[in-house]
Amino acid sequence: MLQRIQSIYLLVVFLVSAVLPFVASMWKDAAGTPVYASSELWILLSFMAVALLALVSVFAYGNRKNQFVLNRLNMILNLILLGVFAYRSLNLSGETEVSEKGIGIFLPVISIVFLVLANKAIKKDEDLVKSVDRLR
């Protein structure tokens, strides 16, 4: 059901992971040219995996427990991606004018926030179904 709020949150995660990495630069290299997700294969594959997992989770609305687990897996993948970005940004060489960090490094944080909101909504739905089952 696409009208549920967790589906909206998951679609936002999909858009943040599938579209914004091509618009927002991750960092600038020593020559001063911005590095986007399409510049490095592992970044591109990581963001596409996050986007694909979010899209699969949107269409797994029939099984809320499975959707919850997929979202947690997606959070772990985003945390790994964020850790790699933090490690990479701390090890960029050069002066501050040459190696600037871009806003694209924080895209996994936005995804994690919306995944947490989606999991809260899924948990709320699951609790509602359990309470209705108790009344029968």
C-alpha atoms as a PDB file:
ATOM      1  CA  MET A   1       0.000   0.000   0.000  1.00  0.00           C
ATOM      2  CA  LEU A   2       1.699   3.107  -1.194  1.00  0.00           C
ATOM      3  CA  GLN A   3      -0.478   5.466   0.833  1.00  0.00           C
ATOM      4  CA  ARG A   4       1.105   4.445   4.133  1.00  0.00           C
ATOM      5  CA  ILE A   5       3.533   6.932   5.649  1.00  0.00           C
ATOM      6  CA  GLN A   6       6.375   4.405   5.801  1.00  0.00           C
ATOM      7  CA  SER A   7       6.099   3.950   2.049  1.00  0.00           C
ATOM      8  CA  ILE A   8       6.546   7.696   1.625  1.00  0.00           C
ATOM      9  CA  TYR A   9       9.603   7.601   3.896  1.00  0.00           C
ATOM     10  CA  LEU A  10      11.051   4.703   1.918  1.00  0.00           C
ATOM     11  CA  LEU A  11      10.441   6.489  -1.379  1.00  0.00           C
ATOM     12  CA  VAL A  12      12.338   9.482   0.030  1.00  0.00           C
ATOM     13  CA  VAL A  13      15.224   7.132   0.884  1.00  0.00           C
ATOM     14  CA  PHE A  14      15.068   5.784  -2.664  1.00  0.00           C
ATOM     15  CA  LEU A  15      15.201   9.294  -4.148  1.00  0.00           C
ATOM     16  CA  VAL A  16      18.010  10.406  -1.816  1.00  0.00           C
ATOM     17  CA  SER A  17      20.072   7.343  -2.722  1.00  0.00           C
ATOM     18  CA  ALA A  18      19.285   7.109  -6.427  1.00  0.00           C
ATOM     19  CA  VAL A  19      19.192  10.766  -7.525  1.00  0.00           C
ATOM     20  CA  LEU A  20      21.086  13.012  -5.130  1.00  0.00           C
ATOM     21  CA  PRO A  21      24.505  11.275  -5.377  1.00  0.00           C
ATOM     22  CA  PHE A  22      24.639  12.392  -9.008  1.00  0.00           C
ATOM     23  CA  VAL A  23      23.795  15.990  -8.089  1.00  0.00           C
ATOM     24  CA  ALA A  24      25.699  16.565  -4.843  1.00  0.00           C
ATOM     25  CA  SER A  25      29.469  16.188  -4.923  1.00  0.00           C
ATOM     26  CA  MET A  26      31.150  13.914  -2.410  1.00  0.00           C
ATOM     27  CA  TRP A  27      34.455  15.803  -2.244  1.00  0.00           C
ATOM     28  CA  LYS A  28      36.957  17.577  -4.450  1.00  0.00           C
ATOM     29  CA  ASP A  29      40.159  15.894  -5.477  1.00  0.00           C
ATOM     30  CA  ALA A  30      43.641  17.434  -5.535  1.00  0.00           C
ATOM     31  CA  ALA A  31      42.963  19.086  -8.894  1.00  0.00           C
ATOM     32  CA  GLY A  32      39.846  20.759  -7.517  1.00  0.00           C
ATOM     33  CA  THR A  33      37.354  18.843  -9.618  1.00  0.00           C
ATOM     34  CA  PRO A  34      34.297  17.551  -7.765  1.00  0.00           C
ATOM     35  CA  VAL A  35      33.939  13.812  -7.296  1.00  0.00           C
ATOM     36  CA  TYR A  36      30.385  12.497  -7.743  1.00  0.00           C
ATOM     37  CA  ALA A  37      28.989   9.031  -7.120  1.00  0.00           C
ATOM     38  CA  SER A  38      29.400   8.173 -10.784  1.00  0.00           C
ATOM     39  CA  SER A  39      33.130   8.925 -10.583  1.00  0.00           C
ATOM     40  CA  GLU A  40      33.942   5.917  -8.429  1.00  0.00           C
ATOM     41  CA  LEU A  41      32.360   2.515  -8.945  1.00  0.00           C
ATOM     42  CA  TRP A  42      32.170   1.435  -5.295  1.00  0.00           C
ATOM     43  CA  ILE A  43      30.296   4.611  -4.321  1.00  0.00           C
ATOM     44  CA  LEU A  44      27.876   4.142  -7.205  1.00  0.00           C
ATOM     45  CA  LEU A  45      27.251   0.489  -6.316  1.00  0.00           C
ATOM     46  CA  SER A  46      26.746   1.320  -2.631  1.00  0.00           C
ATOM     47  CA  PHE A  47      24.169   4.002  -3.333  1.00  0.00           C
ATOM     48  CA  MET A  48      22.384   1.818  -5.867  1.00  0.00           C
ATOM     49  CA  ALA A  49      22.264  -1.053  -3.338  1.00  0.00           C
ATOM     50  CA  VAL A  50      20.703   1.287  -0.771  1.00  0.00           C
ATOM     51  CA  ALA A  51      18.185   2.542  -3.342  1.00  0.00           C
ATOM     52  CA  LEU A  52      17.317  -0.981  -4.494  1.00  0.00           C
ATOM     53  CA  LEU A  53      16.872  -2.196  -0.933  1.00  0.00           C
ATOM     54  CA  ALA A  54      14.562   0.738  -0.183  1.00  0.00           C
ATOM     55  CA  LEU A  55      12.521   0.025  -3.299  1.00  0.00           C
ATOM     56  CA  VAL A  56      12.224  -3.673  -2.435  1.00  0.00           C
ATOM     57  CA  SER A  57      11.128  -2.659   1.059  1.00  0.00           C
ATOM     58  CA  VAL A  58       8.401  -0.393  -0.338  1.00  0.00           C
ATOM     59  CA  PHE A  59       6.838  -3.300  -2.195  1.00  0.00           C
ATOM     60  CA  ALA A  60       7.195  -5.694   0.757  1.00  0.00           C
ATOM     61  CA  TYR A  61       4.241  -4.045   2.524  1.00  0.00           C
ATOM     62  CA  GLY A  62       2.414  -7.352   2.836  1.00  0.00           C
ATOM     63  CA  ASN A  63       4.948  -8.709   5.312  1.00  0.00           C
ATOM     64  CA  ARG A  64       5.699  -5.977   7.870  1.00  0.00           C
ATOM     65  CA  LYS A  65       8.302  -8.032   9.728  1.00  0.00           C
ATOM     66  CA  ASN A  66      10.231  -8.638   6.510  1.00  0.00           C
ATOM     67  CA  GLN A  67       9.966  -4.936   5.671  1.00  0.00           C
ATOM     68  CA  PHE A  68      11.311  -4.066   9.139  1.00  0.00           C
ATOM     69  CA  VAL A  69      14.296  -6.404   8.671  1.00  0.00           C
ATOM     70  CA  LEU A  70      15.033  -5.002   5.197  1.00  0.00           C
ATOM     71  CA  ASN A  71      15.054  -1.497   6.634  1.00  0.00           C
ATOM     72  CA  ARG A  72      17.470  -2.518   9.368  1.00  0.00           C
ATOM     73  CA  LEU A  73      19.741  -4.097   6.779  1.00  0.00           C
ATOM     74  CA  ASN A  74      19.535  -0.879   4.792  1.00  0.00           C
ATOM     75  CA  MET A  75      20.493   1.117   7.907  1.00  0.00           C
ATOM     76  CA  ILE A  76      23.548  -1.083   8.419  1.00  0.00           C
ATOM     77  CA  LEU A  77      24.567  -0.575   4.790  1.00  0.00           C
ATOM     78  CA  ASN A  78      24.157   3.195   5.196  1.00  0.00           C
ATOM     79  CA  LEU A  79      26.221   3.159   8.395  1.00  0.00           C
ATOM     80  CA  ILE A  80      29.010   1.280   6.612  1.00  0.00           C
ATOM     81  CA  LEU A  81      28.868   3.773   3.749  1.00  0.00           C
ATOM     82  CA  LEU A  82      28.954   6.668   6.201  1.00  0.00           C
ATOM     83  CA  GLY A  83      31.939   5.127   7.989  1.00  0.00           C
ATOM     84  CA  VAL A  84      33.823   4.724   4.727  1.00  0.00           C
ATOM     85  CA  PHE A  85      33.053   8.336   3.822  1.00  0.00           C
ATOM     86  CA  ALA A  86      34.248   9.530   7.241  1.00  0.00           C
ATOM     87  CA  TYR A  87      37.462   7.525   6.898  1.00  0.00           C
ATOM     88  CA  ARG A  88      37.988   8.798   3.373  1.00  0.00           C
ATOM     89  CA  SER A  89      37.335  12.432   4.294  1.00  0.00           C
ATOM     90  CA  LEU A  90      39.759  12.278   7.211  1.00  0.00           C
ATOM     91  CA  ASN A  91      42.468  10.834   4.975  1.00  0.00           C
ATOM     92  CA  LEU A  92      42.116  13.245   2.052  1.00  0.00           C
ATOM     93  CA  SER A  93      45.448  14.872   1.492  1.00  0.00           C
ATOM     94  CA  GLY A  94      46.071  18.450   0.572  1.00  0.00           C
ATOM     95  CA  GLU A  95      45.194  21.870   1.791  1.00  0.00           C
ATOM     96  CA  THR A  96      41.703  23.021   2.646  1.00  0.00           C
ATOM     97  CA  GLU A  97      41.304  24.833  -0.683  1.00  0.00           C
ATOM     98  CA  VAL A  98      42.225  21.725  -2.627  1.00  0.00           C
ATOM     99  CA  SER A  99      40.407  18.927  -0.801  1.00  0.00           C
ATOM    100  CA  GLU A 100      37.011  20.215   0.207  1.00  0.00           C
ATOM    101  CA  LYS A 101      34.417  17.849   1.554  1.00  0.00           C
ATOM    102  CA  GLY A 102      31.092  17.932  -0.251  1.00  0.00           C
ATOM    103  CA  ILE A 103      27.528  17.718   0.987  1.00  0.00           C
ATOM    104  CA  GLY A 104      27.119  14.321  -0.662  1.00  0.00           C
ATOM    105  CA  ILE A 105      28.993  12.684   2.208  1.00  0.00           C
ATOM    106  CA  PHE A 106      25.967  13.298   4.449  1.00  0.00           C
ATOM    107  CA  LEU A 107      23.425  11.580   2.195  1.00  0.00           C
ATOM    108  CA  PRO A 108      23.605   8.316   4.215  1.00  0.00           C
ATOM    109  CA  VAL A 109      22.651  10.305   7.336  1.00  0.00           C
ATOM    110  CA  ILE A 110      19.484  11.548   5.619  1.00  0.00           C
ATOM    111  CA  SER A 111      18.704   7.995   4.528  1.00  0.00           C
ATOM    112  CA  ILE A 112      19.200   6.651   8.050  1.00  0.00           C
ATOM    113  CA  VAL A 113      16.836   9.260   9.506  1.00  0.00           C
ATOM    114  CA  PHE A 114      14.074   8.363   7.064  1.00  0.00           C
ATOM    115  CA  LEU A 115      14.667   4.634   7.580  1.00  0.00           C
ATOM    116  CA  VAL A 116      14.270   5.096  11.334  1.00  0.00           C
ATOM    117  CA  LEU A 117      11.031   7.004  10.754  1.00  0.00           C
ATOM    118  CA  ALA A 118       9.799   4.235   8.446  1.00  0.00           C
ATOM    119  CA  ASN A 119      10.620   1.564  11.024  1.00  0.00           C
ATOM    120  CA  LYS A 120       8.734   3.503  13.697  1.00  0.00           C
ATOM    121  CA  ALA A 121       5.669   3.633  11.434  1.00  0.00           C
ATOM    122  CA  ILE A 122       5.976  -0.087  10.633  1.00  0.00           C
ATOM    123  CA  LYS A 123       6.203  -0.888  14.344  1.00  0.00           C
ATOM    124  CA  LYS A 124       3.135   1.253  14.977  1.00  0.00           C
ATOM    125  CA  ASP A 125       1.194  -0.629  12.289  1.00  0.00           C
ATOM    126  CA  GLU A 126       2.318  -3.974  13.703  1.00  0.00           C
ATOM    127  CA  ASP A 127       1.212  -2.966  17.209  1.00  0.00           C
ATOM    128  CA  LEU A 128      -2.163  -1.845  15.840  1.00  0.00           C
ATOM    129  CA  VAL A 129      -2.710  -5.196  14.109  1.00  0.00           C
ATOM    130  CA  LYS A 130      -1.730  -7.072  17.275  1.00  0.00           C
ATOM    131  CA  SER A 131      -4.161  -5.039  19.361  1.00  0.00           C
ATOM    132  CA  VAL A 132      -7.007  -5.716  16.932  1.00  0.00           C
ATOM    133  CA  ASP A 133      -6.181  -9.428  16.969  1.00  0.00           C
ATOM    134  CA  ARG A 134      -6.469  -9.430  20.771  1.00  0.00           C
ATOM    135  CA  LEU A 135     -10.002  -8.072  20.554  1.00  0.00           C
ATOM    136  CA  ARG A 136     -11.247 -10.961  18.392  1.00  0.00           C
END
